[in-house]
Amino acid sequence: MKVVITGANGQLGRELVRQAKSTDFEVHPFDRQQLDITQKNRLKQVLARLSPAVVINAAAYSHVDRAEDEPDRAYAVNSDGPAYLARFCADYQHALIHISTDYVFDGNSDRPYRESDPIAPLGIYGHSKAKGEAAVRSALPQHIIVRTSWLYGVYGHNFVKTILKLAAEKKALNVVADQLGSPTSAADLATATLIIARKIGTAKKLAWGTYHYCGAGITTWHGLAEKVIELATRYTVLRIRQLEAISTAEWPTRAQRPLYSALDCTRTTAQFGINPLPWNQSLQNTIERIFTGK
C-alpha cells in the first residue's frame, strides 16, 4: 500500500517514516523543503503523480506562543494546508489521516475529553488547528482526524528533551503543576497512526471521523518532569537538586494553555483495537532510546 507522509522531518514524522519503512508500505516521505503543504499547486502535482492510498499529514505549525505573533503562518500551515490536502485527496480518491491536538479544547472539563465534546480553543494555535479539522471534514468524507496531547519523543524539540537539558545544567527548576494532561510518545502515536492506515487499506467498512489518541493516565507538567529526571538518573548524572512546583499564574506565557486536556481514547480502542500504553511506561521507553539509541 502506497503512503505519503507530510511533515516527515518533525518529531512525529520521523517516527512515522522510521516505523513505516520496516513494514510492507510503500512509503513516500516529504519534509517541508520537499513538499510545503501550503503550496497547493506543488501539492496537487505530487498527489496526482504518486496516487497514494493514504496520506498522513504530520505537518504542523506547533509553536504555541509564537503563533500569537505569527497568526498568518499558523493558519497557513494548520488550516490552509490541510484544506488543500483534503480537497486534492477528494479529487483523486485518497484517504487522509490528519493529526490534530488537545488545544482545540478550552481545558474547563473535569473528565477526559471525548471526540463529540464541543471545542473552544484558547489561542491562535488551537484556533488554527480547529479550522484545519473543519476544512478536512468539509472537503473529504474519507478522513481520520487523530487528536493527541503533550507530544514528546526522541526527535525534535519537546518538553521531555528540554527538561533533560535543563536538569543537566541547573540545580533548581520551576515547573507548572496545575495543568493536567496525558503525555504521548511520538513513537506510540506513530504506531497507532500506521495501524489506522493499515485498517484503511484492508477494512471493507470503516467509521471515518475524529478519534483521540494519547498516553494512558493523567499527570501534570511537574509530574512529567519529575518522572523524566527519575528515569534519566539511571543513565547519567544530573545537576538538578530541586524541582519546584508552581502555578500557571507564576509562569505566564504568550498563549493561554488549557488547564485540563486529557483525552478519552475509548472510541479509538473500540474501532481500531489500539490500547494506549501507560504514559510513564512509554516515557521510560523514550528515555532509554535517548540515552542508549536502542
C-alpha atoms as a PDB file:
ATOM      1  CA  MET A   1       0.000   0.000   0.000  1.00  0.00           C
ATOM      2  CA  LYS A   2       1.360   3.394  -1.022  1.00  0.00           C
ATOM      3  CA  VAL A   3       1.519   6.009   1.766  1.00  0.00           C
ATOM      4  CA  VAL A   4       2.552   9.661   1.556  1.00  0.00           C
ATOM      5  CA  ILE A   5       3.802  11.259   4.796  1.00  0.00           C
ATOM      6  CA  THR A   6       3.968  15.051   5.044  1.00  0.00           C
ATOM      7  CA  GLY A   7       5.936  16.786   7.783  1.00  0.00           C
ATOM      8  CA  ALA A   8       8.384  13.895   7.629  1.00  0.00           C
ATOM      9  CA  ASN A   9      11.176  15.747   9.440  1.00  0.00           C
ATOM     10  CA  GLY A  10       9.165  16.560  12.586  1.00  0.00           C
ATOM     11  CA  GLN A  11       9.196  14.562  15.796  1.00  0.00           C
ATOM     12  CA  LEU A  12       6.138  12.541  14.736  1.00  0.00           C
ATOM     13  CA  GLY A  13       7.020  12.474  11.048  1.00  0.00           C
ATOM     14  CA  ARG A  14      10.439  10.935  11.683  1.00  0.00           C
ATOM     15  CA  GLU A  15       8.856   8.218  13.831  1.00  0.00           C
ATOM     16  CA  LEU A  16       6.269   7.525  11.158  1.00  0.00           C
ATOM     17  CA  VAL A  17       8.957   7.152   8.498  1.00  0.00           C
ATOM     18  CA  ARG A  18      11.187   5.018  10.737  1.00  0.00           C
ATOM     19  CA  GLN A  19       8.382   2.606  11.568  1.00  0.00           C
ATOM     20  CA  ALA A  20       6.714   2.564   8.153  1.00  0.00           C
ATOM     21  CA  LYS A  21       9.946   1.590   6.437  1.00  0.00           C
ATOM     22  CA  SER A  22      10.003  -1.663   8.424  1.00  0.00           C
ATOM     23  CA  THR A  23       6.576  -2.606   7.025  1.00  0.00           C
ATOM     24  CA  ASP A  24       5.411  -3.517   3.549  1.00  0.00           C
ATOM     25  CA  PHE A  25       4.091   0.010   2.997  1.00  0.00           C
ATOM     26  CA  GLU A  26       5.488   1.839   0.000  1.00  0.00           C
ATOM     27  CA  VAL A  27       6.486   4.977   1.872  1.00  0.00           C
ATOM     28  CA  HIS A  28       6.917   8.409   0.267  1.00  0.00           C
ATOM     29  CA  PRO A  29       8.052  10.879   2.964  1.00  0.00           C
ATOM     30  CA  PHE A  30       8.247  14.628   2.390  1.00  0.00           C
ATOM     31  CA  ASP A  31       9.672  17.280   4.678  1.00  0.00           C
ATOM     32  CA  ARG A  32       8.693  20.945   4.330  1.00  0.00           C
ATOM     33  CA  GLN A  33      11.509  21.706   1.871  1.00  0.00           C
ATOM     34  CA  GLN A  34      10.416  18.854  -0.376  1.00  0.00           C
ATOM     35  CA  LEU A  35       6.681  19.481  -0.061  1.00  0.00           C
ATOM     36  CA  ASP A  36       5.230  22.523   1.662  1.00  0.00           C
ATOM     37  CA  ILE A  37       1.533  21.770   2.178  1.00  0.00           C
ATOM     38  CA  THR A  38       0.720  25.477   1.874  1.00  0.00           C
ATOM     39  CA  GLN A  39       1.867  25.404  -1.788  1.00  0.00           C
ATOM     40  CA  LYS A  40      -1.257  23.972  -3.363  1.00  0.00           C
ATOM     41  CA  ASN A  41      -0.018  23.639  -6.954  1.00  0.00           C
ATOM     42  CA  ARG A  42       3.034  21.624  -5.911  1.00  0.00           C
ATOM     43  CA  LEU A  43       0.863  19.575  -3.555  1.00  0.00           C
ATOM     44  CA  LYS A  44      -1.587  18.779  -6.310  1.00  0.00           C
ATOM     45  CA  GLN A  45       1.212  17.682  -8.657  1.00  0.00           C
ATOM     46  CA  VAL A  46       2.763  15.328  -6.096  1.00  0.00           C
ATOM     47  CA  LEU A  47      -0.505  13.654  -5.116  1.00  0.00           C
ATOM     48  CA  ALA A  48      -1.603  13.287  -8.737  1.00  0.00           C
ATOM     49  CA  ARG A  49       1.735  11.698  -9.660  1.00  0.00           C
ATOM     50  CA  LEU A  50       2.029   9.300  -6.717  1.00  0.00           C
ATOM     51  CA  SER A  51      -1.657   8.432  -6.246  1.00  0.00           C
ATOM     52  CA  PRO A  52      -1.250   7.084  -2.693  1.00  0.00           C
ATOM     53  CA  ALA A  53      -3.887   5.012  -0.920  1.00  0.00           C
ATOM     54  CA  VAL A  54      -3.408   7.101   2.225  1.00  0.00           C
ATOM     55  CA  VAL A  55      -1.898  10.495   3.014  1.00  0.00           C
ATOM     56  CA  ILE A  56      -0.713  11.018   6.605  1.00  0.00           C
ATOM     57  CA  ASN A  57      -0.464  14.706   7.416  1.00  0.00           C
ATOM     58  CA  ALA A  58       2.044  15.209  10.239  1.00  0.00           C
ATOM     59  CA  ALA A  59       2.943  18.715   9.060  1.00  0.00           C
ATOM     60  CA  ALA A  60       2.018  21.424  11.560  1.00  0.00           C
ATOM     61  CA  TYR A  61       2.907  24.829  12.913  1.00  0.00           C
ATOM     62  CA  SER A  62       3.274  23.843  16.570  1.00  0.00           C
ATOM     63  CA  HIS A  63       4.918  26.895  18.181  1.00  0.00           C
ATOM     64  CA  VAL A  64       2.078  27.684  20.571  1.00  0.00           C
ATOM     65  CA  ASP A  65       3.394  31.025  21.843  1.00  0.00           C
ATOM     66  CA  ARG A  66       4.932  32.193  18.572  1.00  0.00           C
ATOM     67  CA  ALA A  67       1.604  31.587  16.826  1.00  0.00           C
ATOM     68  CA  GLU A  68       0.191  34.580  18.709  1.00  0.00           C
ATOM     69  CA  ASP A  69       2.683  36.796  16.843  1.00  0.00           C
ATOM     70  CA  GLU A  70       2.651  34.825  13.561  1.00  0.00           C
ATOM     71  CA  PRO A  71      -1.037  34.061  13.016  1.00  0.00           C
ATOM     72  CA  ASP A  72      -0.794  34.140   9.217  1.00  0.00           C
ATOM     73  CA  ARG A  73       1.842  31.411   9.228  1.00  0.00           C
ATOM     74  CA  ALA A  74      -0.045  29.351  11.811  1.00  0.00           C
ATOM     75  CA  TYR A  75      -3.275  29.475   9.808  1.00  0.00           C
ATOM     76  CA  ALA A  76      -1.456  28.763   6.546  1.00  0.00           C
ATOM     77  CA  VAL A  77       0.109  25.541   7.833  1.00  0.00           C
ATOM     78  CA  ASN A  78      -2.587  24.351  10.246  1.00  0.00           C
ATOM     79  CA  SER A  79      -5.683  25.378   8.304  1.00  0.00           C
ATOM     80  CA  ASP A  80      -4.992  26.174   4.637  1.00  0.00           C
ATOM     81  CA  GLY A  81      -2.590  23.257   4.151  1.00  0.00           C
ATOM     82  CA  PRO A  82      -4.995  20.609   5.471  1.00  0.00           C
ATOM     83  CA  ALA A  83      -7.777  22.188   3.368  1.00  0.00           C
ATOM     84  CA  TYR A  84      -5.673  21.763   0.204  1.00  0.00           C
ATOM     85  CA  LEU A  85      -4.745  18.215   1.187  1.00  0.00           C
ATOM     86  CA  ALA A  86      -8.360  17.251   1.804  1.00  0.00           C
ATOM     87  CA  ARG A  87      -9.532  18.814  -1.455  1.00  0.00           C
ATOM     88  CA  PHE A  88      -6.941  17.007  -3.564  1.00  0.00           C
ATOM     89  CA  CYS A  89      -7.460  13.737  -1.690  1.00  0.00           C
ATOM     90  CA  ALA A  90     -11.147  14.055  -2.555  1.00  0.00           C
ATOM     91  CA  ASP A  91     -10.304  14.776  -6.205  1.00  0.00           C
ATOM     92  CA  TYR A  92      -8.001  11.736  -6.520  1.00  0.00           C
ATOM     93  CA  GLN A  93      -9.862   9.424  -4.096  1.00  0.00           C
ATOM     94  CA  HIS A  94      -7.117   9.190  -1.486  1.00  0.00           C
ATOM     95  CA  ALA A  95      -7.846   8.750   2.213  1.00  0.00           C
ATOM     96  CA  LEU A  96      -6.359  11.246   4.677  1.00  0.00           C
ATOM     97  CA  ILE A  97      -5.134  10.831   8.248  1.00  0.00           C
ATOM     98  CA  HIS A  98      -4.750  14.276   9.767  1.00  0.00           C
ATOM     99  CA  ILE A  99      -3.054  14.843  13.139  1.00  0.00           C
ATOM    100  CA  SER A 100      -4.657  17.403  15.433  1.00  0.00           C
ATOM    101  CA  THR A 101      -4.414  18.490  19.055  1.00  0.00           C
ATOM    102  CA  ASP A 102      -5.941  18.750  22.523  1.00  0.00           C
ATOM    103  CA  TYR A 103      -5.589  22.542  22.187  1.00  0.00           C
ATOM    104  CA  VAL A 104      -8.907  22.670  20.341  1.00  0.00           C
ATOM    105  CA  PHE A 105     -10.464  22.416  23.836  1.00  0.00           C
ATOM    106  CA  ASP A 106     -10.590  25.139  26.488  1.00  0.00           C
ATOM    107  CA  GLY A 107      -9.497  22.975  29.417  1.00  0.00           C
ATOM    108  CA  ASN A 108     -12.609  23.502  31.543  1.00  0.00           C
ATOM    109  CA  SER A 109     -13.578  19.821  31.617  1.00  0.00           C
ATOM    110  CA  ASP A 110     -13.399  17.632  34.717  1.00  0.00           C
ATOM    111  CA  ARG A 111     -13.088  14.392  32.727  1.00  0.00           C
ATOM    112  CA  PRO A 112     -11.121  13.303  29.644  1.00  0.00           C
ATOM    113  CA  TYR A 113     -12.459  14.949  26.511  1.00  0.00           C
ATOM    114  CA  ARG A 114     -14.484  12.840  24.090  1.00  0.00           C
ATOM    115  CA  GLU A 115     -14.471  13.383  20.349  1.00  0.00           C
ATOM    116  CA  SER A 116     -18.042  14.682  20.493  1.00  0.00           C
ATOM    117  CA  ASP A 117     -17.339  17.356  23.106  1.00  0.00           C
ATOM    118  CA  PRO A 118     -17.659  20.959  21.897  1.00  0.00           C
ATOM    119  CA  ILE A 119     -14.406  22.680  21.051  1.00  0.00           C
ATOM    120  CA  ALA A 120     -13.397  26.121  22.312  1.00  0.00           C
ATOM    121  CA  PRO A 121      -9.735  26.846  21.557  1.00  0.00           C
ATOM    122  CA  LEU A 122      -7.998  29.495  23.657  1.00  0.00           C
ATOM    123  CA  GLY A 123      -5.304  30.784  21.296  1.00  0.00           C
ATOM    124  CA  ILE A 124      -4.187  31.093  17.691  1.00  0.00           C
ATOM    125  CA  TYR A 125      -2.569  27.665  17.626  1.00  0.00           C
ATOM    126  CA  GLY A 126      -5.732  25.932  18.834  1.00  0.00           C
ATOM    127  CA  HIS A 127      -7.947  28.062  16.569  1.00  0.00           C
ATOM    128  CA  SER A 128      -5.808  27.259  13.526  1.00  0.00           C
ATOM    129  CA  LYS A 129      -5.876  23.531  14.255  1.00  0.00           C
ATOM    130  CA  ALA A 130      -9.640  23.608  14.811  1.00  0.00           C
ATOM    131  CA  LYS A 131     -10.105  25.389  11.491  1.00  0.00           C
ATOM    132  CA  GLY A 132      -7.925  22.751   9.815  1.00  0.00           C
ATOM    133  CA  GLU A 133     -10.106  19.991  11.263  1.00  0.00           C
ATOM    134  CA  ALA A 134     -13.231  21.705   9.933  1.00  0.00           C
ATOM    135  CA  ALA A 135     -11.695  22.062   6.471  1.00  0.00           C
ATOM    136  CA  VAL A 136     -10.838  18.353   6.349  1.00  0.00           C
ATOM    137  CA  ARG A 137     -14.339  17.330   7.422  1.00  0.00           C
ATOM    138  CA  SER A 138     -15.944  19.636   4.878  1.00  0.00           C
ATOM    139  CA  ALA A 139     -13.912  18.546   1.860  1.00  0.00           C
ATOM    140  CA  LEU A 140     -13.291  14.832   2.370  1.00  0.00           C
ATOM    141  CA  PRO A 141     -15.608  12.148   3.782  1.00  0.00           C
ATOM    142  CA  GLN A 142     -12.780   9.558   3.779  1.00  0.00           C
ATOM    143  CA  HIS A 143     -10.777  11.134   6.596  1.00  0.00           C
ATOM    144  CA  ILE A 144      -9.478  10.205  10.024  1.00  0.00           C
ATOM    145  CA  ILE A 145      -8.577  13.074  12.354  1.00  0.00           C
ATOM    146  CA  VAL A 146      -6.404  11.964  15.270  1.00  0.00           C
ATOM    147  CA  ARG A 147      -6.210  14.393  18.184  1.00  0.00           C
ATOM    148  CA  THR A 148      -3.284  13.891  20.525  1.00  0.00           C
ATOM    149  CA  SER A 149      -1.800  15.658  23.545  1.00  0.00           C
ATOM    150  CA  TRP A 150       1.513  16.591  25.193  1.00  0.00           C
ATOM    151  CA  LEU A 151       3.579  15.021  22.427  1.00  0.00           C
ATOM    152  CA  TYR A 152       7.248  14.211  23.070  1.00  0.00           C
ATOM    153  CA  GLY A 153       9.838  11.921  21.567  1.00  0.00           C
ATOM    154  CA  VAL A 154      13.406  11.166  20.599  1.00  0.00           C
ATOM    155  CA  TYR A 155      13.411  13.652  17.723  1.00  0.00           C
ATOM    156  CA  GLY A 156      12.924  17.402  17.573  1.00  0.00           C
ATOM    157  CA  HIS A 157      12.197  19.888  20.348  1.00  0.00           C
ATOM    158  CA  ASN A 158       9.813  18.885  23.118  1.00  0.00           C
ATOM    159  CA  PHE A 159       9.211  19.191  26.857  1.00  0.00           C
ATOM    160  CA  VAL A 160      10.980  15.949  27.793  1.00  0.00           C
ATOM    161  CA  LYS A 161      14.185  16.852  25.956  1.00  0.00           C
ATOM    162  CA  THR A 162      14.088  20.376  27.386  1.00  0.00           C
ATOM    163  CA  ILE A 163      13.836  19.007  30.939  1.00  0.00           C
ATOM    164  CA  LEU A 164      16.758  16.652  30.286  1.00  0.00           C
ATOM    165  CA  LYS A 165      18.868  19.549  29.047  1.00  0.00           C
ATOM    166  CA  LEU A 166      17.978  21.892  31.909  1.00  0.00           C
ATOM    167  CA  ALA A 167      18.348  19.191  34.574  1.00  0.00           C
ATOM    168  CA  ALA A 168      21.887  18.595  33.360  1.00  0.00           C
ATOM    169  CA  GLU A 169      22.707  22.317  33.578  1.00  0.00           C
ATOM    170  CA  LYS A 170      20.788  23.702  36.562  1.00  0.00           C
ATOM    171  CA  LYS A 171      20.448  22.832  40.253  1.00  0.00           C
ATOM    172  CA  ALA A 172      16.843  24.043  40.518  1.00  0.00           C
ATOM    173  CA  LEU A 173      13.893  24.208  38.144  1.00  0.00           C
ATOM    174  CA  ASN A 174      10.347  25.583  38.389  1.00  0.00           C
ATOM    175  CA  VAL A 175       7.655  23.590  36.562  1.00  0.00           C
ATOM    176  CA  VAL A 176       3.909  24.212  36.317  1.00  0.00           C
ATOM    177  CA  ALA A 177       1.885  21.819  38.449  1.00  0.00           C
ATOM    178  CA  ASP A 178      -1.737  22.882  37.862  1.00  0.00           C
ATOM    179  CA  GLN A 179      -2.142  21.869  34.223  1.00  0.00           C
ATOM    180  CA  LEU A 180      -3.353  18.295  33.734  1.00  0.00           C
ATOM    181  CA  GLY A 181      -2.920  16.155  30.638  1.00  0.00           C
ATOM    182  CA  SER A 182      -1.789  12.871  29.153  1.00  0.00           C
ATOM    183  CA  PRO A 183       1.789  12.758  27.810  1.00  0.00           C
ATOM    184  CA  THR A 184       2.041  10.980  24.469  1.00  0.00           C
ATOM    185  CA  SER A 185       5.087   9.304  22.990  1.00  0.00           C
ATOM    186  CA  ALA A 186       5.642  10.151  19.320  1.00  0.00           C
ATOM    187  CA  ALA A 187       6.680   6.531  18.791  1.00  0.00           C
ATOM    188  CA  ASP A 188       3.367   5.289  20.200  1.00  0.00           C
ATOM    189  CA  LEU A 189       1.367   7.799  18.169  1.00  0.00           C
ATOM    190  CA  ALA A 190       3.226   6.729  15.017  1.00  0.00           C
ATOM    191  CA  THR A 191       2.417   3.082  15.734  1.00  0.00           C
ATOM    192  CA  ALA A 192      -1.256   3.912  16.267  1.00  0.00           C
ATOM    193  CA  THR A 193      -1.380   6.025  13.095  1.00  0.00           C
ATOM    194  CA  LEU A 194       0.104   3.251  10.991  1.00  0.00           C
ATOM    195  CA  ILE A 195      -2.384   0.753  12.430  1.00  0.00           C
ATOM    196  CA  ILE A 196      -5.144   3.097  11.305  1.00  0.00           C
ATOM    197  CA  ALA A 197      -3.514   3.425   7.878  1.00  0.00           C
ATOM    198  CA  ARG A 198      -3.434  -0.369   7.591  1.00  0.00           C
ATOM    199  CA  LYS A 199      -7.128  -0.553   8.511  1.00  0.00           C
ATOM    200  CA  ILE A 200      -7.925   1.994   5.818  1.00  0.00           C
ATOM    201  CA  GLY A 201      -6.195  -0.209   3.262  1.00  0.00           C
ATOM    202  CA  THR A 202      -7.765  -3.502   4.361  1.00  0.00           C
ATOM    203  CA  ALA A 203     -11.128  -2.889   6.052  1.00  0.00           C
ATOM    204  CA  LYS A 204     -14.241  -3.294   3.943  1.00  0.00           C
ATOM    205  CA  LYS A 205     -16.053  -0.713   6.035  1.00  0.00           C
ATOM    206  CA  LEU A 206     -14.555   1.991   8.236  1.00  0.00           C
ATOM    207  CA  ALA A 207     -16.037   4.525  10.642  1.00  0.00           C
ATOM    208  CA  TRP A 208     -14.457   7.704   9.321  1.00  0.00           C
ATOM    209  CA  GLY A 209     -14.210  10.764  11.513  1.00  0.00           C
ATOM    210  CA  THR A 210     -12.424  12.079  14.591  1.00  0.00           C
ATOM    211  CA  TYR A 211     -10.522   9.983  17.129  1.00  0.00           C
ATOM    212  CA  HIS A 212      -8.387  10.587  20.204  1.00  0.00           C
ATOM    213  CA  TYR A 213      -5.029   9.003  20.998  1.00  0.00           C
ATOM    214  CA  CYS A 214      -2.766   9.810  23.935  1.00  0.00           C
ATOM    215  CA  GLY A 215      -0.830   8.038  26.648  1.00  0.00           C
ATOM    216  CA  ALA A 216      -2.922   6.298  29.296  1.00  0.00           C
ATOM    217  CA  GLY A 217      -3.177   8.130  32.594  1.00  0.00           C
ATOM    218  CA  ILE A 218      -3.076  11.766  33.664  1.00  0.00           C
ATOM    219  CA  THR A 219      -0.318  13.872  35.196  1.00  0.00           C
ATOM    220  CA  THR A 220       0.927  17.466  35.402  1.00  0.00           C
ATOM    221  CA  TRP A 221       3.907  19.068  33.712  1.00  0.00           C
ATOM    222  CA  HIS A 222       5.629  18.922  37.098  1.00  0.00           C
ATOM    223  CA  GLY A 223       4.769  15.236  37.455  1.00  0.00           C
ATOM    224  CA  LEU A 224       6.111  14.558  33.980  1.00  0.00           C
ATOM    225  CA  ALA A 225       9.333  16.457  34.696  1.00  0.00           C
ATOM    226  CA  GLU A 226       9.759  14.567  37.975  1.00  0.00           C
ATOM    227  CA  LYS A 227       9.469  11.231  36.159  1.00  0.00           C
ATOM    228  CA  VAL A 228      11.852  12.342  33.391  1.00  0.00           C
ATOM    229  CA  ILE A 229      14.509  13.187  35.968  1.00  0.00           C
ATOM    230  CA  GLU A 230      13.948   9.953  37.891  1.00  0.00           C
ATOM    231  CA  LEU A 231      14.336   7.826  34.756  1.00  0.00           C
ATOM    232  CA  ALA A 232      17.293   9.788  33.383  1.00  0.00           C
ATOM    233  CA  THR A 233      19.354   9.234  36.540  1.00  0.00           C
ATOM    234  CA  ARG A 234      19.612   5.580  35.521  1.00  0.00           C
ATOM    235  CA  TYR A 235      21.753   6.628  32.572  1.00  0.00           C
ATOM    236  CA  THR A 236      23.536   9.836  33.521  1.00  0.00           C
ATOM    237  CA  VAL A 237      24.461  12.198  36.338  1.00  0.00           C
ATOM    238  CA  LEU A 238      22.223  15.263  36.535  1.00  0.00           C
ATOM    239  CA  ARG A 239      22.944  18.546  38.279  1.00  0.00           C
ATOM    240  CA  ILE A 240      19.329  19.116  39.324  1.00  0.00           C
ATOM    241  CA  ARG A 241      18.642  19.033  43.076  1.00  0.00           C
ATOM    242  CA  GLN A 242      15.319  20.849  43.386  1.00  0.00           C
ATOM    243  CA  LEU A 243      12.177  20.677  41.237  1.00  0.00           C
ATOM    244  CA  GLU A 244       9.740  23.337  42.412  1.00  0.00           C
ATOM    245  CA  ALA A 245       6.004  23.054  41.671  1.00  0.00           C
ATOM    246  CA  ILE A 246       4.497  26.373  40.599  1.00  0.00           C
ATOM    247  CA  SER A 247       1.148  27.603  39.276  1.00  0.00           C
ATOM    248  CA  THR A 248       0.283  28.676  35.754  1.00  0.00           C
ATOM    249  CA  ALA A 249      -0.078  32.227  37.091  1.00  0.00           C
ATOM    250  CA  GLU A 250       3.548  32.108  38.242  1.00  0.00           C
ATOM    251  CA  TRP A 251       4.713  31.123  34.740  1.00  0.00           C
ATOM    252  CA  PRO A 252       2.961  33.491  32.316  1.00  0.00           C
ATOM    253  CA  THR A 253       3.179  32.621  28.625  1.00  0.00           C
ATOM    254  CA  ARG A 254       2.245  34.457  25.441  1.00  0.00           C
ATOM    255  CA  ALA A 255      -0.568  31.983  24.716  1.00  0.00           C
ATOM    256  CA  GLN A 256      -3.082  30.672  27.222  1.00  0.00           C
ATOM    257  CA  ARG A 257      -2.930  26.906  27.803  1.00  0.00           C
ATOM    258  CA  PRO A 258      -5.862  24.634  28.688  1.00  0.00           C
ATOM    259  CA  LEU A 259      -5.670  23.686  32.377  1.00  0.00           C
ATOM    260  CA  TYR A 260      -7.078  20.229  31.603  1.00  0.00           C
ATOM    261  CA  SER A 261      -6.565  18.456  28.302  1.00  0.00           C
ATOM    262  CA  ALA A 262      -6.675  14.698  28.897  1.00  0.00           C
ATOM    263  CA  LEU A 263      -8.344  12.827  26.036  1.00  0.00           C
ATOM    264  CA  ASP A 264     -10.711   9.863  26.147  1.00  0.00           C
ATOM    265  CA  CYS A 265      -9.395   7.177  23.765  1.00  0.00           C
ATOM    266  CA  THR A 266     -12.276   4.703  24.179  1.00  0.00           C
ATOM    267  CA  ARG A 267     -13.545   5.178  20.624  1.00  0.00           C
ATOM    268  CA  THR A 268     -10.078   4.579  19.152  1.00  0.00           C
ATOM    269  CA  THR A 269      -9.704   1.345  21.126  1.00  0.00           C
ATOM    270  CA  ALA A 270     -13.168   0.133  20.106  1.00  0.00           C
ATOM    271  CA  GLN A 271     -12.742   0.906  16.400  1.00  0.00           C
ATOM    272  CA  PHE A 272      -9.081   0.033  15.803  1.00  0.00           C
ATOM    273  CA  GLY A 273      -8.126  -2.231  18.705  1.00  0.00           C
ATOM    274  CA  ILE A 274      -5.472   0.258  19.837  1.00  0.00           C
ATOM    275  CA  ASN A 275      -4.784   0.272  23.586  1.00  0.00           C
ATOM    276  CA  PRO A 276      -2.560   3.197  24.655  1.00  0.00           C
ATOM    277  CA  LEU A 277       0.324   2.311  26.950  1.00  0.00           C
ATOM    278  CA  PRO A 278       0.594   3.994  30.368  1.00  0.00           C
ATOM    279  CA  TRP A 279       2.347   7.315  29.825  1.00  0.00           C
ATOM    280  CA  ASN A 280       5.125   6.519  32.315  1.00  0.00           C
ATOM    281  CA  GLN A 281       5.913   3.225  30.581  1.00  0.00           C
ATOM    282  CA  SER A 282       6.181   4.956  27.214  1.00  0.00           C
ATOM    283  CA  LEU A 283       8.316   7.669  28.786  1.00  0.00           C
ATOM    284  CA  GLN A 284      10.692   5.007  30.091  1.00  0.00           C
ATOM    285  CA  ASN A 285      10.992   3.574  26.563  1.00  0.00           C
ATOM    286  CA  THR A 286      11.748   7.023  25.152  1.00  0.00           C
ATOM    287  CA  ILE A 287      14.353   7.886  27.802  1.00  0.00           C
ATOM    288  CA  GLU A 288      16.081   4.573  27.115  1.00  0.00           C
ATOM    289  CA  ARG A 289      16.186   5.341  23.387  1.00  0.00           C
ATOM    290  CA  ILE A 290      17.543   8.823  24.003  1.00  0.00           C
ATOM    291  CA  PHE A 291      20.432   7.571  26.133  1.00  0.00           C
ATOM    292  CA  THR A 292      21.201   4.223  24.522  1.00  0.00           C
ATOM    293  CA  GLY A 293      19.988   4.570  20.948  1.00  0.00           C
ATOM    294  CA  LYS A 294      18.036   1.305  21.256  1.00  0.00           C
END
